[in-house]
């Protein structure tokens, strides 16, 4: 697994410094040089980090202001690049920015900033991370017990393949054992979405804290297999900062 970032800037020096800094941290970089195009990308694609040149790119500030309204990236870790003449640090934080980098951006400051932000990115990745997993699931709906097969699971829900459709208002109890573990869960759920091919997404409800912690631990282990070092980053601490 590789973290992904969108860098909105036309500043050649910014690109020269930030691209290799991000790539050294296993963060892929997609560069966009137009605010309008960036807005379109942010609507359709999900990024772990969004870096916006607020002051030296026309429309950059507007992209940042509208970021939290985009369903895909409202929780992405955000960085504002400021030139010290227009947008203040306080104004940037007021718009929901997590980190600020002042120009001219040095390799040292950029490295410190993204290192500090890395655990935030990994935590957010885990929040929406869906682990592909095929396992049998019992779906208990009143006095009925249905059989299903999972397709993926996250810390907040599970996707199933079923032979029988569930009512949209259904709140079934699911029972399943996670692969390569002794963790058996019995959780209340509600239907989040369903299609016409038997796929259904269920949101977990009222999960006991002990079960939630065990589920998150299992997901961390799966992430660690795909993204070595994720566990250490999740265990690390960080804070919003100015570089």
C-alpha atoms as a PDB file:
ATOM      1  CA  UNK A   1       0.000   0.000   0.000  1.00  0.00           C
ATOM      2  CA  UNK A   2       1.271   3.457  -0.890  1.00  0.00           C
ATOM      3  CA  UNK A   3      -0.056   6.723   0.458  1.00  0.00           C
ATOM      4  CA  UNK A   4      -1.236   9.184  -2.184  1.00  0.00           C
ATOM      5  CA  UNK A   5      -1.064  12.955  -2.336  1.00  0.00           C
ATOM      6  CA  UNK A   6      -2.260  15.744  -4.610  1.00  0.00           C
ATOM      7  CA  UNK A   7       0.057  18.740  -4.974  1.00  0.00           C
ATOM      8  CA  UNK A   8      -1.570  21.854  -6.411  1.00  0.00           C
ATOM      9  CA  UNK A   9       1.164  24.285  -7.438  1.00  0.00           C
ATOM     10  CA  UNK A  10       2.880  25.837 -10.463  1.00  0.00           C
ATOM     11  CA  UNK A  11       5.944  26.842  -8.475  1.00  0.00           C
ATOM     12  CA  UNK A  12       8.926  24.981  -9.958  1.00  0.00           C
ATOM     13  CA  UNK A  13      10.952  25.318  -6.740  1.00  0.00           C
ATOM     14  CA  UNK A  14       8.101  23.881  -4.677  1.00  0.00           C
ATOM     15  CA  UNK A  15       7.839  20.912  -7.029  1.00  0.00           C
ATOM     16  CA  UNK A  16      11.600  20.397  -6.949  1.00  0.00           C
ATOM     17  CA  UNK A  17      11.663  20.226  -3.149  1.00  0.00           C
ATOM     18  CA  UNK A  18       8.388  18.492  -2.317  1.00  0.00           C
ATOM     19  CA  UNK A  19       8.228  15.687  -4.867  1.00  0.00           C
ATOM     20  CA  UNK A  20      11.399  13.841  -3.738  1.00  0.00           C
ATOM     21  CA  UNK A  21      10.610  14.551  -0.071  1.00  0.00           C
ATOM     22  CA  UNK A  22       7.205  12.906  -0.381  1.00  0.00           C
ATOM     23  CA  UNK A  23       8.471  10.011  -2.478  1.00  0.00           C
ATOM     24  CA  UNK A  24      11.110   9.179   0.154  1.00  0.00           C
ATOM     25  CA  UNK A  25       8.211   8.651   2.581  1.00  0.00           C
ATOM     26  CA  UNK A  26       6.436   6.296   0.135  1.00  0.00           C
ATOM     27  CA  UNK A  27       3.884   8.980  -0.684  1.00  0.00           C
ATOM     28  CA  UNK A  28       2.983   9.103  -4.362  1.00  0.00           C
ATOM     29  CA  UNK A  29       2.570  12.588  -5.789  1.00  0.00           C
ATOM     30  CA  UNK A  30       0.048  13.711  -8.386  1.00  0.00           C
ATOM     31  CA  UNK A  31       0.837  17.249  -9.503  1.00  0.00           C
ATOM     32  CA  UNK A  32      -1.877  19.585 -10.709  1.00  0.00           C
ATOM     33  CA  UNK A  33      -1.196  23.122 -11.892  1.00  0.00           C
ATOM     34  CA  UNK A  34      -4.742  24.449 -12.324  1.00  0.00           C
ATOM     35  CA  UNK A  35      -7.274  25.066  -9.555  1.00  0.00           C
ATOM     36  CA  UNK A  36     -10.273  24.124 -11.679  1.00  0.00           C
ATOM     37  CA  UNK A  37      -8.727  20.796 -12.641  1.00  0.00           C
ATOM     38  CA  UNK A  38      -7.775  20.138  -9.011  1.00  0.00           C
ATOM     39  CA  UNK A  39     -11.379  20.647  -7.935  1.00  0.00           C
ATOM     40  CA  UNK A  40     -12.527  18.061 -10.486  1.00  0.00           C
ATOM     41  CA  UNK A  41      -9.889  15.579  -9.324  1.00  0.00           C
ATOM     42  CA  UNK A  42     -10.782  16.033  -5.662  1.00  0.00           C
ATOM     43  CA  UNK A  43     -14.424  15.260  -6.372  1.00  0.00           C
ATOM     44  CA  UNK A  44     -13.658  11.946  -8.046  1.00  0.00           C
ATOM     45  CA  UNK A  45     -10.470  10.693  -6.355  1.00  0.00           C
ATOM     46  CA  UNK A  46      -9.372  10.061  -2.773  1.00  0.00           C
ATOM     47  CA  UNK A  47      -6.031  11.349  -1.444  1.00  0.00           C
ATOM     48  CA  UNK A  48      -4.310  10.833   1.883  1.00  0.00           C
ATOM     49  CA  UNK A  49      -2.755  14.303   1.664  1.00  0.00           C
ATOM     50  CA  UNK A  50      -3.716  17.447  -0.240  1.00  0.00           C
ATOM     51  CA  UNK A  51      -1.074  20.184  -0.590  1.00  0.00           C
ATOM     52  CA  UNK A  52      -2.266  23.559  -1.903  1.00  0.00           C
ATOM     53  CA  UNK A  53      -0.270  26.599  -2.967  1.00  0.00           C
ATOM     54  CA  UNK A  54      -2.722  29.125  -1.549  1.00  0.00           C
ATOM     55  CA  UNK A  55      -1.086  32.429  -2.364  1.00  0.00           C
ATOM     56  CA  UNK A  56       0.802  32.003  -5.638  1.00  0.00           C
ATOM     57  CA  UNK A  57      -1.694  30.026  -7.699  1.00  0.00           C
ATOM     58  CA  UNK A  58      -4.950  31.551  -8.917  1.00  0.00           C
ATOM     59  CA  UNK A  59      -7.891  29.814  -7.257  1.00  0.00           C
ATOM     60  CA  UNK A  60      -5.707  27.850  -4.854  1.00  0.00           C
ATOM     61  CA  UNK A  61      -7.271  29.394  -1.766  1.00  0.00           C
ATOM     62  CA  UNK A  62     -10.755  28.575  -3.066  1.00  0.00           C
ATOM     63  CA  UNK A  63      -9.756  24.937  -3.571  1.00  0.00           C
ATOM     64  CA  UNK A  64      -8.613  24.759   0.028  1.00  0.00           C
ATOM     65  CA  UNK A  65     -11.758  26.470   1.302  1.00  0.00           C
ATOM     66  CA  UNK A  66     -13.971  23.966  -0.521  1.00  0.00           C
ATOM     67  CA  UNK A  67     -11.959  20.863   0.313  1.00  0.00           C
ATOM     68  CA  UNK A  68     -13.893  19.887   3.449  1.00  0.00           C
ATOM     69  CA  UNK A  69     -17.097  19.878   1.410  1.00  0.00           C
ATOM     70  CA  UNK A  70     -15.859  17.128  -0.920  1.00  0.00           C
ATOM     71  CA  UNK A  71     -17.128  13.685   0.155  1.00  0.00           C
ATOM     72  CA  UNK A  72     -13.922  11.912  -0.879  1.00  0.00           C
ATOM     73  CA  UNK A  73     -11.407  14.242   0.746  1.00  0.00           C
ATOM     74  CA  UNK A  74     -13.122  16.017   3.626  1.00  0.00           C
ATOM     75  CA  UNK A  75     -10.909  14.103   6.077  1.00  0.00           C
ATOM     76  CA  UNK A  76      -7.674  14.202   4.080  1.00  0.00           C
ATOM     77  CA  UNK A  77      -4.625  15.678   5.799  1.00  0.00           C
ATOM     78  CA  UNK A  78      -4.183  19.161   4.334  1.00  0.00           C
ATOM     79  CA  UNK A  79      -1.151  21.397   3.849  1.00  0.00           C
ATOM     80  CA  UNK A  80      -1.155  25.089   2.946  1.00  0.00           C
ATOM     81  CA  UNK A  81       1.804  26.671   1.167  1.00  0.00           C
ATOM     82  CA  UNK A  82       1.950  30.365   2.085  1.00  0.00           C
ATOM     83  CA  UNK A  83       4.168  33.174   0.816  1.00  0.00           C
ATOM     84  CA  UNK A  84       3.912  35.318   3.943  1.00  0.00           C
ATOM     85  CA  UNK A  85       2.166  38.177   2.149  1.00  0.00           C
ATOM     86  CA  UNK A  86      -1.461  37.136   1.647  1.00  0.00           C
ATOM     87  CA  UNK A  87      -2.968  34.347   3.728  1.00  0.00           C
ATOM     88  CA  UNK A  88      -1.924  34.256   7.378  1.00  0.00           C
ATOM     89  CA  UNK A  89      -1.171  31.074   9.291  1.00  0.00           C
ATOM     90  CA  UNK A  90      -4.187  31.733  11.529  1.00  0.00           C
ATOM     91  CA  UNK A  91      -6.473  32.093   8.503  1.00  0.00           C
ATOM     92  CA  UNK A  92      -5.174  28.816   7.071  1.00  0.00           C
ATOM     93  CA  UNK A  93      -5.818  26.929  10.303  1.00  0.00           C
ATOM     94  CA  UNK A  94      -9.248  28.570  10.458  1.00  0.00           C
ATOM     95  CA  UNK A  95     -10.083  26.918   7.133  1.00  0.00           C
ATOM     96  CA  UNK A  96      -9.296  23.512   8.583  1.00  0.00           C
ATOM     97  CA  UNK A  97      -5.716  23.162   7.361  1.00  0.00           C
ATOM     98  CA  UNK A  98      -3.653  20.676   9.373  1.00  0.00           C
ATOM     99  CA  UNK A  99      -0.135  21.906   8.496  1.00  0.00           C
ATOM    100  CA  UNK A 100       1.395  25.085   7.109  1.00  0.00           C
ATOM    101  CA  UNK A 101       4.606  25.441   5.104  1.00  0.00           C
ATOM    102  CA  UNK A 102       6.026  28.897   4.530  1.00  0.00           C
ATOM    103  CA  UNK A 103       7.873  29.763   1.333  1.00  0.00           C
ATOM    104  CA  UNK A 104      10.620  29.442   0.395  1.00  0.00           C
ATOM    105  CA  UNK A 105      10.243  25.771   1.306  1.00  0.00           C
ATOM    106  CA  UNK A 106      13.482  24.056   2.265  1.00  0.00           C
ATOM    107  CA  UNK A 107      14.088  20.333   2.045  1.00  0.00           C
ATOM    108  CA  UNK A 108      14.687  20.198   5.801  1.00  0.00           C
ATOM    109  CA  UNK A 109      11.451  21.959   6.736  1.00  0.00           C
ATOM    110  CA  UNK A 110       9.446  19.946   4.232  1.00  0.00           C
ATOM    111  CA  UNK A 111      10.900  16.701   5.560  1.00  0.00           C
ATOM    112  CA  UNK A 112      10.107  17.642   9.167  1.00  0.00           C
ATOM    113  CA  UNK A 113       6.580  18.680   8.264  1.00  0.00           C
ATOM    114  CA  UNK A 114       5.672  15.532   6.331  1.00  0.00           C
ATOM    115  CA  UNK A 115       7.299  13.279   8.916  1.00  0.00           C
ATOM    116  CA  UNK A 116       5.134  14.923  11.571  1.00  0.00           C
ATOM    117  CA  UNK A 117       2.047  14.452   9.391  1.00  0.00           C
ATOM    118  CA  UNK A 118       2.705  10.867   8.392  1.00  0.00           C
ATOM    119  CA  UNK A 119       0.952   9.190  11.304  1.00  0.00           C
ATOM    120  CA  UNK A 120      -2.154  11.348  10.665  1.00  0.00           C
ATOM    121  CA  UNK A 121      -2.214  10.099   7.083  1.00  0.00           C
ATOM    122  CA  UNK A 122      -1.847   6.473   8.130  1.00  0.00           C
ATOM    123  CA  UNK A 123      -4.597   6.826  10.745  1.00  0.00           C
ATOM    124  CA  UNK A 124      -6.940   8.284   8.157  1.00  0.00           C
ATOM    125  CA  UNK A 125      -6.002   5.523   5.723  1.00  0.00           C
ATOM    126  CA  UNK A 126      -6.931   2.947   8.367  1.00  0.00           C
ATOM    127  CA  UNK A 127     -10.246   4.687   8.990  1.00  0.00           C
ATOM    128  CA  UNK A 128     -11.402   4.094   5.435  1.00  0.00           C
ATOM    129  CA  UNK A 129      -9.130   1.093   4.743  1.00  0.00           C
ATOM    130  CA  UNK A 130     -11.129  -1.891   3.487  1.00  0.00           C
ATOM    131  CA  UNK A 131      -9.404  -5.230   3.768  1.00  0.00           C
ATOM    132  CA  UNK A 132     -10.453  -7.659   1.032  1.00  0.00           C
ATOM    133  CA  UNK A 133     -11.440 -10.860   2.826  1.00  0.00           C
ATOM    134  CA  UNK A 134     -13.575 -13.833   1.889  1.00  0.00           C
ATOM    135  CA  UNK A 135     -15.123 -15.517   4.915  1.00  0.00           C
ATOM    136  CA  UNK A 136     -18.489 -17.054   5.868  1.00  0.00           C
ATOM    137  CA  UNK A 137     -20.860 -14.739   7.725  1.00  0.00           C
ATOM    138  CA  UNK A 138     -24.083 -15.587   9.559  1.00  0.00           C
ATOM    139  CA  UNK A 139     -26.772 -12.958   9.088  1.00  0.00           C
ATOM    140  CA  UNK A 140     -29.364 -13.151  11.854  1.00  0.00           C
ATOM    141  CA  UNK A 141     -32.529 -11.245  11.077  1.00  0.00           C
ATOM    142  CA  UNK A 142     -35.224 -11.817  13.666  1.00  0.00           C
ATOM    143  CA  UNK A 143     -35.853 -15.563  13.734  1.00  0.00           C
ATOM    144  CA  UNK A 144     -34.147 -16.075  10.370  1.00  0.00           C
ATOM    145  CA  UNK A 145     -30.528 -17.073   9.869  1.00  0.00           C
ATOM    146  CA  UNK A 146     -29.095 -16.354   6.437  1.00  0.00           C
ATOM    147  CA  UNK A 147     -25.714 -17.249   4.987  1.00  0.00           C
ATOM    148  CA  UNK A 148     -23.411 -14.759   3.309  1.00  0.00           C
ATOM    149  CA  UNK A 149     -19.808 -14.344   2.188  1.00  0.00           C
ATOM    150  CA  UNK A 150     -17.826 -11.220   2.945  1.00  0.00           C
ATOM    151  CA  UNK A 151     -15.925  -9.316   0.272  1.00  0.00           C
ATOM    152  CA  UNK A 152     -14.219  -6.727   2.506  1.00  0.00           C
ATOM    153  CA  UNK A 153     -14.234  -5.417   6.065  1.00  0.00           C
ATOM    154  CA  UNK A 154     -13.259  -2.096   7.647  1.00  0.00           C
ATOM    155  CA  UNK A 155     -13.286  -0.760  11.177  1.00  0.00           C
ATOM    156  CA  UNK A 156     -16.760   0.651  10.553  1.00  0.00           C
ATOM    157  CA  UNK A 157     -18.515  -1.990   8.489  1.00  0.00           C
ATOM    158  CA  UNK A 158     -18.489  -4.948   6.130  1.00  0.00           C
ATOM    159  CA  UNK A 159     -19.526  -5.758   2.563  1.00  0.00           C
ATOM    160  CA  UNK A 160     -21.293  -9.048   1.854  1.00  0.00           C
ATOM    161  CA  UNK A 161     -22.411 -11.147  -1.065  1.00  0.00           C
ATOM    162  CA  UNK A 162     -25.855 -12.620  -0.358  1.00  0.00           C
ATOM    163  CA  UNK A 163     -28.309 -14.844  -2.181  1.00  0.00           C
ATOM    164  CA  UNK A 164     -31.263 -13.109  -0.550  1.00  0.00           C
ATOM    165  CA  UNK A 165     -31.786  -9.356  -0.489  1.00  0.00           C
ATOM    166  CA  UNK A 166     -32.070  -7.532   2.819  1.00  0.00           C
ATOM    167  CA  UNK A 167     -34.726  -4.869   3.412  1.00  0.00           C
ATOM    168  CA  UNK A 168     -33.234  -1.365   3.415  1.00  0.00           C
ATOM    169  CA  UNK A 169     -34.451  -0.871   6.984  1.00  0.00           C
ATOM    170  CA  UNK A 170     -32.941  -4.156   8.208  1.00  0.00           C
ATOM    171  CA  UNK A 171     -30.729  -4.193  11.321  1.00  0.00           C
ATOM    172  CA  UNK A 172     -29.323  -7.732  11.322  1.00  0.00           C
ATOM    173  CA  UNK A 173     -26.815  -9.200  13.740  1.00  0.00           C
ATOM    174  CA  UNK A 174     -23.716 -10.607  12.047  1.00  0.00           C
ATOM    175  CA  UNK A 175     -21.505 -13.396  13.351  1.00  0.00           C
ATOM    176  CA  UNK A 176     -18.104 -14.140  11.810  1.00  0.00           C
ATOM    177  CA  UNK A 177     -14.546 -15.149  12.649  1.00  0.00           C
ATOM    178  CA  UNK A 178     -11.715 -13.141  11.133  1.00  0.00           C
ATOM    179  CA  UNK A 179      -9.184 -15.240   9.188  1.00  0.00           C
ATOM    180  CA  UNK A 180      -5.918 -16.209  10.859  1.00  0.00           C
ATOM    181  CA  UNK A 181      -7.273 -15.199  14.244  1.00  0.00           C
ATOM    182  CA  UNK A 182      -9.403 -16.422  17.118  1.00  0.00           C
ATOM    183  CA  UNK A 183     -11.473 -13.263  16.925  1.00  0.00           C
ATOM    184  CA  UNK A 184     -15.159 -14.091  16.612  1.00  0.00           C
ATOM    185  CA  UNK A 185     -17.459 -11.093  16.434  1.00  0.00           C
ATOM    186  CA  UNK A 186     -21.180 -10.775  16.963  1.00  0.00           C
ATOM    187  CA  UNK A 187     -22.235  -7.257  15.985  1.00  0.00           C
ATOM    188  CA  UNK A 188     -25.364  -5.294  15.328  1.00  0.00           C
ATOM    189  CA  UNK A 189     -25.503  -3.650  11.910  1.00  0.00           C
ATOM    190  CA  UNK A 190     -27.649  -1.558   9.616  1.00  0.00           C
ATOM    191  CA  UNK A 191     -27.869  -1.545   5.832  1.00  0.00           C
ATOM    192  CA  UNK A 192     -25.740   1.237   4.335  1.00  0.00           C
ATOM    193  CA  UNK A 193     -26.161   0.340   0.656  1.00  0.00           C
ATOM    194  CA  UNK A 194     -27.216  -2.505  -1.609  1.00  0.00           C
ATOM    195  CA  UNK A 195     -27.162  -3.246  -5.334  1.00  0.00           C
ATOM    196  CA  UNK A 196     -29.203  -5.521  -7.566  1.00  0.00           C
ATOM    197  CA  UNK A 197     -26.520  -8.222  -7.771  1.00  0.00           C
ATOM    198  CA  UNK A 198     -26.666  -9.375  -4.159  1.00  0.00           C
ATOM    199  CA  UNK A 199     -23.952  -7.094  -2.778  1.00  0.00           C
ATOM    200  CA  UNK A 200     -24.781  -5.252   0.433  1.00  0.00           C
ATOM    201  CA  UNK A 201     -22.810  -2.930   2.681  1.00  0.00           C
ATOM    202  CA  UNK A 202     -23.539  -3.021   6.412  1.00  0.00           C
ATOM    203  CA  UNK A 203     -22.506  -0.440   8.999  1.00  0.00           C
ATOM    204  CA  UNK A 204     -21.481  -1.692  12.440  1.00  0.00           C
ATOM    205  CA  UNK A 205     -23.547  -0.442  15.391  1.00  0.00           C
ATOM    206  CA  UNK A 206     -22.917  -0.470  19.146  1.00  0.00           C
ATOM    207  CA  UNK A 207     -19.719  -2.509  18.875  1.00  0.00           C
ATOM    208  CA  UNK A 208     -18.314  -3.277  22.349  1.00  0.00           C
ATOM    209  CA  UNK A 209     -15.056  -1.429  22.938  1.00  0.00           C
ATOM    210  CA  UNK A 210     -13.127  -4.676  23.439  1.00  0.00           C
ATOM    211  CA  UNK A 211     -14.363  -6.056  20.105  1.00  0.00           C
ATOM    212  CA  UNK A 212     -13.646  -2.760  18.327  1.00  0.00           C
ATOM    213  CA  UNK A 213     -10.089  -2.743  19.640  1.00  0.00           C
ATOM    214  CA  UNK A 214      -9.532  -6.334  18.512  1.00  0.00           C
ATOM    215  CA  UNK A 215     -10.950  -5.563  15.064  1.00  0.00           C
ATOM    216  CA  UNK A 216      -8.703  -2.517  14.707  1.00  0.00           C
ATOM    217  CA  UNK A 217      -5.695  -4.555  15.812  1.00  0.00           C
ATOM    218  CA  UNK A 218      -6.469  -7.174  13.167  1.00  0.00           C
ATOM    219  CA  UNK A 219      -6.842  -4.468  10.501  1.00  0.00           C
ATOM    220  CA  UNK A 220      -3.548  -2.917  11.602  1.00  0.00           C
ATOM    221  CA  UNK A 221      -1.873  -6.288  11.062  1.00  0.00           C
ATOM    222  CA  UNK A 222      -3.345  -6.544   7.565  1.00  0.00           C
ATOM    223  CA  UNK A 223      -2.186  -2.997   6.769  1.00  0.00           C
ATOM    224  CA  UNK A 224       1.268  -3.833   8.083  1.00  0.00           C
ATOM    225  CA  UNK A 225       1.544  -6.662   5.557  1.00  0.00           C
ATOM    226  CA  UNK A 226       0.796  -4.273   2.692  1.00  0.00           C
ATOM    227  CA  UNK A 227       2.402  -1.145   4.123  1.00  0.00           C
ATOM    228  CA  UNK A 228       5.457  -2.066   6.250  1.00  0.00           C
ATOM    229  CA  UNK A 229       5.927   0.390   9.086  1.00  0.00           C
ATOM    230  CA  UNK A 230       2.249   1.294   9.379  1.00  0.00           C
ATOM    231  CA  UNK A 231       1.994  -0.131  12.893  1.00  0.00           C
ATOM    232  CA  UNK A 232       4.858   2.015  14.142  1.00  0.00           C
ATOM    233  CA  UNK A 233       3.381   5.112  12.532  1.00  0.00           C
ATOM    234  CA  UNK A 234      -0.029   4.376  14.046  1.00  0.00           C
ATOM    235  CA  UNK A 235       1.585   4.055  17.456  1.00  0.00           C
ATOM    236  CA  UNK A 236       3.504   7.305  17.024  1.00  0.00           C
ATOM    237  CA  UNK A 237       2.316  10.668  18.134  1.00  0.00           C
ATOM    238  CA  UNK A 238       2.150  13.975  16.324  1.00  0.00           C
ATOM    239  CA  UNK A 239       0.504  17.340  16.441  1.00  0.00           C
ATOM    240  CA  UNK A 240      -0.641  19.973  14.047  1.00  0.00           C
ATOM    241  CA  UNK A 241       2.236  22.253  13.312  1.00  0.00           C
ATOM    242  CA  UNK A 242       3.792  25.142  11.502  1.00  0.00           C
ATOM    243  CA  UNK A 243       6.992  24.586   9.580  1.00  0.00           C
END
